[in-house]
């Protein structure tokens, strides 16, 4: 075979390979296009049984903005915590009764475990309203509830955020404890949010 024929065959092979690769690229990019879109989380992604539509799940960046601006109710939770699961049941009773239309939910697990800048900025913005434990000051823990008005924390509740290993969830939340909690949070929402 002469060199000119070899060159033509090589070019044809390259063109065929290029067309196969381009076709594969187009096919795979269309097939996996939905994977590149950011997932919009809902409360059921964190608490499967919770279908309340007033929760808006927010990222760390949005959480920072909410702490600085607006008049907001913010629930900081941890979907892996039994205390957060019970806490959200308790606050839902209050929110449903008061017909609250928007509560922002921030699950701190991702930012906290990564120890990223969002976690530290949220801690800084909530300084003075966080839990102090033996090993650190100003721990951002879950569950906690905040009413914030343009950068000022008007109310916060960290009722069970430090109870991780000290008491059983069900034994802590007695009927009497539920009534005390509901009364306190209802009064705070009426005073600081609904006025």
C-alpha atoms as a PDB file:
ATOM      1  CA  UNK A   1       0.000   0.000   0.000  1.00  0.00           C
ATOM      2  CA  UNK A   2       1.390   3.351  -0.962  1.00  0.00           C
ATOM      3  CA  UNK A   3       1.867   6.169   1.561  1.00  0.00           C
ATOM      4  CA  UNK A   4      -0.876   8.319   0.013  1.00  0.00           C
ATOM      5  CA  UNK A   5      -3.459   5.551   0.486  1.00  0.00           C
ATOM      6  CA  UNK A   6      -2.298   4.973   4.063  1.00  0.00           C
ATOM      7  CA  UNK A   7      -2.697   8.685   4.792  1.00  0.00           C
ATOM      8  CA  UNK A   8      -6.250   8.712   3.354  1.00  0.00           C
ATOM      9  CA  UNK A   9      -7.223   5.590   5.351  1.00  0.00           C
ATOM     10  CA  UNK A  10      -5.750   7.122   8.530  1.00  0.00           C
ATOM     11  CA  UNK A  11      -7.729  10.355   7.976  1.00  0.00           C
ATOM     12  CA  UNK A  12     -10.941   8.376   7.405  1.00  0.00           C
ATOM     13  CA  UNK A  13     -10.333   6.421  10.634  1.00  0.00           C
ATOM     14  CA  UNK A  14      -9.691   9.674  12.530  1.00  0.00           C
ATOM     15  CA  UNK A  15     -12.894  11.208  11.147  1.00  0.00           C
ATOM     16  CA  UNK A  16     -14.903   8.104  12.098  1.00  0.00           C
ATOM     17  CA  UNK A  17     -13.387   8.113  15.626  1.00  0.00           C
ATOM     18  CA  UNK A  18     -14.072  11.843  15.973  1.00  0.00           C
ATOM     19  CA  UNK A  19     -17.708  11.372  14.903  1.00  0.00           C
ATOM     20  CA  UNK A  20     -18.125   8.452  17.336  1.00  0.00           C
ATOM     21  CA  UNK A  21     -16.681  10.518  20.183  1.00  0.00           C
ATOM     22  CA  UNK A  22     -18.862  13.534  19.326  1.00  0.00           C
ATOM     23  CA  UNK A  23     -21.961  11.320  19.172  1.00  0.00           C
ATOM     24  CA  UNK A  24     -21.075   9.713  22.506  1.00  0.00           C
ATOM     25  CA  UNK A  25     -20.501  13.136  24.058  1.00  0.00           C
ATOM     26  CA  UNK A  26     -23.872  14.459  22.881  1.00  0.00           C
ATOM     27  CA  UNK A  27     -25.665  11.290  23.976  1.00  0.00           C
ATOM     28  CA  UNK A  28     -24.078  11.215  27.440  1.00  0.00           C
ATOM     29  CA  UNK A  29     -24.520  14.943  28.037  1.00  0.00           C
ATOM     30  CA  UNK A  30     -28.240  14.673  27.260  1.00  0.00           C
ATOM     31  CA  UNK A  31     -28.600  11.526  29.346  1.00  0.00           C
ATOM     32  CA  UNK A  32     -26.924  13.018  32.413  1.00  0.00           C
ATOM     33  CA  UNK A  33     -28.003  16.663  31.990  1.00  0.00           C
ATOM     34  CA  UNK A  34     -30.304  16.451  35.007  1.00  0.00           C
ATOM     35  CA  UNK A  35     -27.310  15.508  37.198  1.00  0.00           C
ATOM     36  CA  UNK A  36     -25.749  18.924  36.641  1.00  0.00           C
ATOM     37  CA  UNK A  37     -28.834  20.806  37.824  1.00  0.00           C
ATOM     38  CA  UNK A  38     -28.727  21.692  41.503  1.00  0.00           C
ATOM     39  CA  UNK A  39     -31.149  19.652  43.579  1.00  0.00           C
ATOM     40  CA  UNK A  40     -33.832  21.658  45.296  1.00  0.00           C
ATOM     41  CA  UNK A  41     -34.338  20.149  48.713  1.00  0.00           C
ATOM     42  CA  UNK A  42     -37.619  20.035  50.578  1.00  0.00           C
ATOM     43  CA  UNK A  43     -38.298  19.314  54.216  1.00  0.00           C
ATOM     44  CA  UNK A  44     -39.214  15.712  53.348  1.00  0.00           C
ATOM     45  CA  UNK A  45     -35.597  15.154  52.237  1.00  0.00           C
ATOM     46  CA  UNK A  46     -34.648  15.602  55.889  1.00  0.00           C
ATOM     47  CA  UNK A  47     -37.774  14.490  57.752  1.00  0.00           C
ATOM     48  CA  UNK A  48     -39.620  11.951  55.605  1.00  0.00           C
ATOM     49  CA  UNK A  49     -42.929  12.232  57.455  1.00  0.00           C
ATOM     50  CA  UNK A  50     -43.061  16.031  57.394  1.00  0.00           C
ATOM     51  CA  UNK A  51     -45.116  17.376  54.505  1.00  0.00           C
ATOM     52  CA  UNK A  52     -45.664  20.924  55.769  1.00  0.00           C
ATOM     53  CA  UNK A  53     -45.360  23.348  52.881  1.00  0.00           C
ATOM     54  CA  UNK A  54     -44.317  26.338  54.968  1.00  0.00           C
ATOM     55  CA  UNK A  55     -40.733  25.062  55.300  1.00  0.00           C
ATOM     56  CA  UNK A  56     -38.193  26.402  52.861  1.00  0.00           C
ATOM     57  CA  UNK A  57     -34.893  24.528  52.982  1.00  0.00           C
ATOM     58  CA  UNK A  58     -31.943  26.891  52.676  1.00  0.00           C
ATOM     59  CA  UNK A  59     -28.230  26.539  52.073  1.00  0.00           C
ATOM     60  CA  UNK A  60     -25.529  28.082  54.208  1.00  0.00           C
ATOM     61  CA  UNK A  61     -25.245  31.117  51.939  1.00  0.00           C
ATOM     62  CA  UNK A  62     -28.975  31.814  52.075  1.00  0.00           C
ATOM     63  CA  UNK A  63     -28.948  31.247  55.840  1.00  0.00           C
ATOM     64  CA  UNK A  64     -26.322  33.969  56.222  1.00  0.00           C
ATOM     65  CA  UNK A  65     -28.488  36.335  54.186  1.00  0.00           C
ATOM     66  CA  UNK A  66     -31.583  35.489  56.272  1.00  0.00           C
ATOM     67  CA  UNK A  67     -29.704  36.223  59.487  1.00  0.00           C
ATOM     68  CA  UNK A  68     -28.691  39.636  58.166  1.00  0.00           C
ATOM     69  CA  UNK A  69     -31.891  40.701  56.420  1.00  0.00           C
ATOM     70  CA  UNK A  70     -35.618  40.418  56.866  1.00  0.00           C
ATOM     71  CA  UNK A  71     -37.945  39.249  59.586  1.00  0.00           C
ATOM     72  CA  UNK A  72     -37.629  35.469  59.690  1.00  0.00           C
ATOM     73  CA  UNK A  73     -38.315  32.336  61.675  1.00  0.00           C
ATOM     74  CA  UNK A  74     -35.397  29.963  61.287  1.00  0.00           C
ATOM     75  CA  UNK A  75     -35.204  26.362  62.441  1.00  0.00           C
ATOM     76  CA  UNK A  76     -31.723  24.880  62.560  1.00  0.00           C
ATOM     77  CA  UNK A  77     -31.938  21.122  62.564  1.00  0.00           C
ATOM     78  CA  UNK A  78     -29.993  17.971  62.101  1.00  0.00           C
ATOM     79  CA  UNK A  79     -31.889  15.266  60.296  1.00  0.00           C
ATOM     80  CA  UNK A  80     -29.707  12.630  61.959  1.00  0.00           C
ATOM     81  CA  UNK A  81     -30.715  13.774  65.452  1.00  0.00           C
ATOM     82  CA  UNK A  82     -33.670  12.209  67.261  1.00  0.00           C
ATOM     83  CA  UNK A  83     -34.015  15.433  69.222  1.00  0.00           C
ATOM     84  CA  UNK A  84     -34.391  17.419  65.992  1.00  0.00           C
ATOM     85  CA  UNK A  85     -37.019  14.971  64.782  1.00  0.00           C
ATOM     86  CA  UNK A  86     -39.041  15.419  67.975  1.00  0.00           C
ATOM     87  CA  UNK A  87     -38.424  19.175  68.077  1.00  0.00           C
ATOM     88  CA  UNK A  88     -39.829  19.671  64.592  1.00  0.00           C
ATOM     89  CA  UNK A  89     -42.939  17.723  65.593  1.00  0.00           C
ATOM     90  CA  UNK A  90     -43.391  20.073  68.543  1.00  0.00           C
ATOM     91  CA  UNK A  91     -42.870  23.301  66.604  1.00  0.00           C
ATOM     92  CA  UNK A  92     -45.144  22.069  63.831  1.00  0.00           C
ATOM     93  CA  UNK A  93     -47.999  21.963  66.339  1.00  0.00           C
ATOM     94  CA  UNK A  94     -47.338  25.617  67.068  1.00  0.00           C
ATOM     95  CA  UNK A  95     -46.818  26.712  63.453  1.00  0.00           C
ATOM     96  CA  UNK A  96     -49.979  24.941  62.298  1.00  0.00           C
ATOM     97  CA  UNK A  97     -52.008  26.464  65.128  1.00  0.00           C
ATOM     98  CA  UNK A  98     -50.706  29.990  64.435  1.00  0.00           C
ATOM     99  CA  UNK A  99     -50.928  29.510  60.652  1.00  0.00           C
ATOM    100  CA  UNK A 100     -47.315  30.521  60.024  1.00  0.00           C
ATOM    101  CA  UNK A 101     -46.699  30.797  56.281  1.00  0.00           C
ATOM    102  CA  UNK A 102     -42.889  30.560  56.101  1.00  0.00           C
ATOM    103  CA  UNK A 103     -40.207  28.918  58.216  1.00  0.00           C
ATOM    104  CA  UNK A 104     -36.666  28.585  56.945  1.00  0.00           C
ATOM    105  CA  UNK A 105     -34.987  25.264  57.614  1.00  0.00           C
ATOM    106  CA  UNK A 106     -31.219  24.926  57.710  1.00  0.00           C
ATOM    107  CA  UNK A 107     -29.696  21.485  58.224  1.00  0.00           C
ATOM    108  CA  UNK A 108     -26.295  22.178  59.703  1.00  0.00           C
ATOM    109  CA  UNK A 109     -24.780  18.733  59.116  1.00  0.00           C
ATOM    110  CA  UNK A 110     -23.082  19.431  55.803  1.00  0.00           C
ATOM    111  CA  UNK A 111     -21.494  22.773  56.696  1.00  0.00           C
ATOM    112  CA  UNK A 112     -20.621  21.688  60.244  1.00  0.00           C
ATOM    113  CA  UNK A 113     -18.826  18.499  59.210  1.00  0.00           C
ATOM    114  CA  UNK A 114     -16.960  20.321  56.483  1.00  0.00           C
ATOM    115  CA  UNK A 115     -16.119  23.137  58.926  1.00  0.00           C
ATOM    116  CA  UNK A 116     -16.509  25.482  55.982  1.00  0.00           C
ATOM    117  CA  UNK A 117     -16.766  29.268  55.955  1.00  0.00           C
ATOM    118  CA  UNK A 118     -20.583  29.212  56.012  1.00  0.00           C
ATOM    119  CA  UNK A 119     -20.557  27.367  59.323  1.00  0.00           C
ATOM    120  CA  UNK A 120     -18.171  29.858  60.908  1.00  0.00           C
ATOM    121  CA  UNK A 121     -20.032  32.867  59.500  1.00  0.00           C
ATOM    122  CA  UNK A 122     -23.378  31.589  60.848  1.00  0.00           C
ATOM    123  CA  UNK A 123     -21.745  31.061  64.247  1.00  0.00           C
ATOM    124  CA  UNK A 124     -20.385  34.592  64.120  1.00  0.00           C
ATOM    125  CA  UNK A 125     -23.791  36.070  63.244  1.00  0.00           C
ATOM    126  CA  UNK A 126     -25.469  34.139  66.070  1.00  0.00           C
ATOM    127  CA  UNK A 127     -22.732  34.934  68.584  1.00  0.00           C
ATOM    128  CA  UNK A 128     -24.263  35.276  72.018  1.00  0.00           C
ATOM    129  CA  UNK A 129     -27.243  33.082  71.157  1.00  0.00           C
ATOM    130  CA  UNK A 130     -25.457  29.763  70.883  1.00  0.00           C
ATOM    131  CA  UNK A 131     -24.783  26.970  73.339  1.00  0.00           C
ATOM    132  CA  UNK A 132     -21.622  26.850  75.404  1.00  0.00           C
ATOM    133  CA  UNK A 133     -20.335  23.355  76.100  1.00  0.00           C
ATOM    134  CA  UNK A 134     -17.306  22.001  77.933  1.00  0.00           C
ATOM    135  CA  UNK A 135     -15.117  21.914  74.857  1.00  0.00           C
ATOM    136  CA  UNK A 136     -16.084  25.124  73.086  1.00  0.00           C
ATOM    137  CA  UNK A 137     -17.854  28.433  73.295  1.00  0.00           C
ATOM    138  CA  UNK A 138     -20.616  29.345  70.895  1.00  0.00           C
ATOM    139  CA  UNK A 139     -21.438  25.968  69.439  1.00  0.00           C
ATOM    140  CA  UNK A 140     -23.960  25.966  66.630  1.00  0.00           C
ATOM    141  CA  UNK A 141     -26.074  22.988  67.620  1.00  0.00           C
ATOM    142  CA  UNK A 142     -29.389  21.519  66.609  1.00  0.00           C
ATOM    143  CA  UNK A 143     -32.237  21.717  67.200  1.00  0.00           C
ATOM    144  CA  UNK A 144     -32.602  25.435  67.664  1.00  0.00           C
ATOM    145  CA  UNK A 145     -35.209  28.006  66.722  1.00  0.00           C
ATOM    146  CA  UNK A 146     -34.554  31.696  66.036  1.00  0.00           C
ATOM    147  CA  UNK A 147     -36.701  34.720  65.299  1.00  0.00           C
ATOM    148  CA  UNK A 148     -34.475  37.257  63.580  1.00  0.00           C
ATOM    149  CA  UNK A 149     -35.292  40.806  62.520  1.00  0.00           C
ATOM    150  CA  UNK A 150     -32.759  42.527  60.226  1.00  0.00           C
ATOM    151  CA  UNK A 151     -29.687  41.078  61.878  1.00  0.00           C
ATOM    152  CA  UNK A 152     -31.018  41.109  65.443  1.00  0.00           C
ATOM    153  CA  UNK A 153     -31.976  37.894  67.201  1.00  0.00           C
ATOM    154  CA  UNK A 154     -35.230  38.704  68.990  1.00  0.00           C
ATOM    155  CA  UNK A 155     -35.857  35.203  70.331  1.00  0.00           C
ATOM    156  CA  UNK A 156     -34.078  31.900  70.375  1.00  0.00           C
ATOM    157  CA  UNK A 157     -34.755  28.468  71.808  1.00  0.00           C
ATOM    158  CA  UNK A 158     -32.120  25.772  72.147  1.00  0.00           C
ATOM    159  CA  UNK A 159     -34.306  23.617  74.427  1.00  0.00           C
ATOM    160  CA  UNK A 160     -32.717  20.254  73.656  1.00  0.00           C
ATOM    161  CA  UNK A 161     -29.607  21.089  71.633  1.00  0.00           C
ATOM    162  CA  UNK A 162     -27.221  19.823  74.329  1.00  0.00           C
ATOM    163  CA  UNK A 163     -29.247  16.753  75.293  1.00  0.00           C
ATOM    164  CA  UNK A 164     -27.466  14.440  72.836  1.00  0.00           C
ATOM    165  CA  UNK A 165     -26.449  11.726  75.269  1.00  0.00           C
ATOM    166  CA  UNK A 166     -28.029  12.797  78.526  1.00  0.00           C
ATOM    167  CA  UNK A 167     -31.692  11.772  78.271  1.00  0.00           C
ATOM    168  CA  UNK A 168     -34.007   9.685  76.185  1.00  0.00           C
ATOM    169  CA  UNK A 169     -36.014  11.821  73.752  1.00  0.00           C
ATOM    170  CA  UNK A 170     -39.399  10.454  74.763  1.00  0.00           C
ATOM    171  CA  UNK A 171     -38.746  10.702  78.486  1.00  0.00           C
ATOM    172  CA  UNK A 172     -37.584  14.318  78.147  1.00  0.00           C
ATOM    173  CA  UNK A 173     -40.652  15.412  76.172  1.00  0.00           C
ATOM    174  CA  UNK A 174     -43.272  14.670  78.775  1.00  0.00           C
ATOM    175  CA  UNK A 175     -46.759  16.096  78.342  1.00  0.00           C
ATOM    176  CA  UNK A 176     -45.942  18.842  80.845  1.00  0.00           C
ATOM    177  CA  UNK A 177     -42.702  19.702  79.034  1.00  0.00           C
ATOM    178  CA  UNK A 178     -44.572  19.898  75.741  1.00  0.00           C
ATOM    179  CA  UNK A 179     -47.094  22.335  77.236  1.00  0.00           C
ATOM    180  CA  UNK A 180     -44.345  24.550  78.683  1.00  0.00           C
ATOM    181  CA  UNK A 181     -42.471  24.558  75.374  1.00  0.00           C
ATOM    182  CA  UNK A 182     -45.588  25.280  73.317  1.00  0.00           C
ATOM    183  CA  UNK A 183     -46.548  28.150  75.605  1.00  0.00           C
ATOM    184  CA  UNK A 184     -43.094  29.735  75.487  1.00  0.00           C
ATOM    185  CA  UNK A 185     -42.645  29.468  71.728  1.00  0.00           C
ATOM    186  CA  UNK A 186     -46.229  30.563  70.991  1.00  0.00           C
ATOM    187  CA  UNK A 187     -45.769  33.670  73.148  1.00  0.00           C
ATOM    188  CA  UNK A 188     -42.450  34.454  71.461  1.00  0.00           C
ATOM    189  CA  UNK A 189     -43.892  34.115  67.954  1.00  0.00           C
ATOM    190  CA  UNK A 190     -46.873  36.283  68.863  1.00  0.00           C
ATOM    191  CA  UNK A 191     -44.620  38.909  70.441  1.00  0.00           C
ATOM    192  CA  UNK A 192     -41.671  38.988  68.048  1.00  0.00           C
ATOM    193  CA  UNK A 193     -42.949  37.713  64.723  1.00  0.00           C
ATOM    194  CA  UNK A 194     -46.675  38.218  64.295  1.00  0.00           C
ATOM    195  CA  UNK A 195     -46.766  41.790  65.638  1.00  0.00           C
END
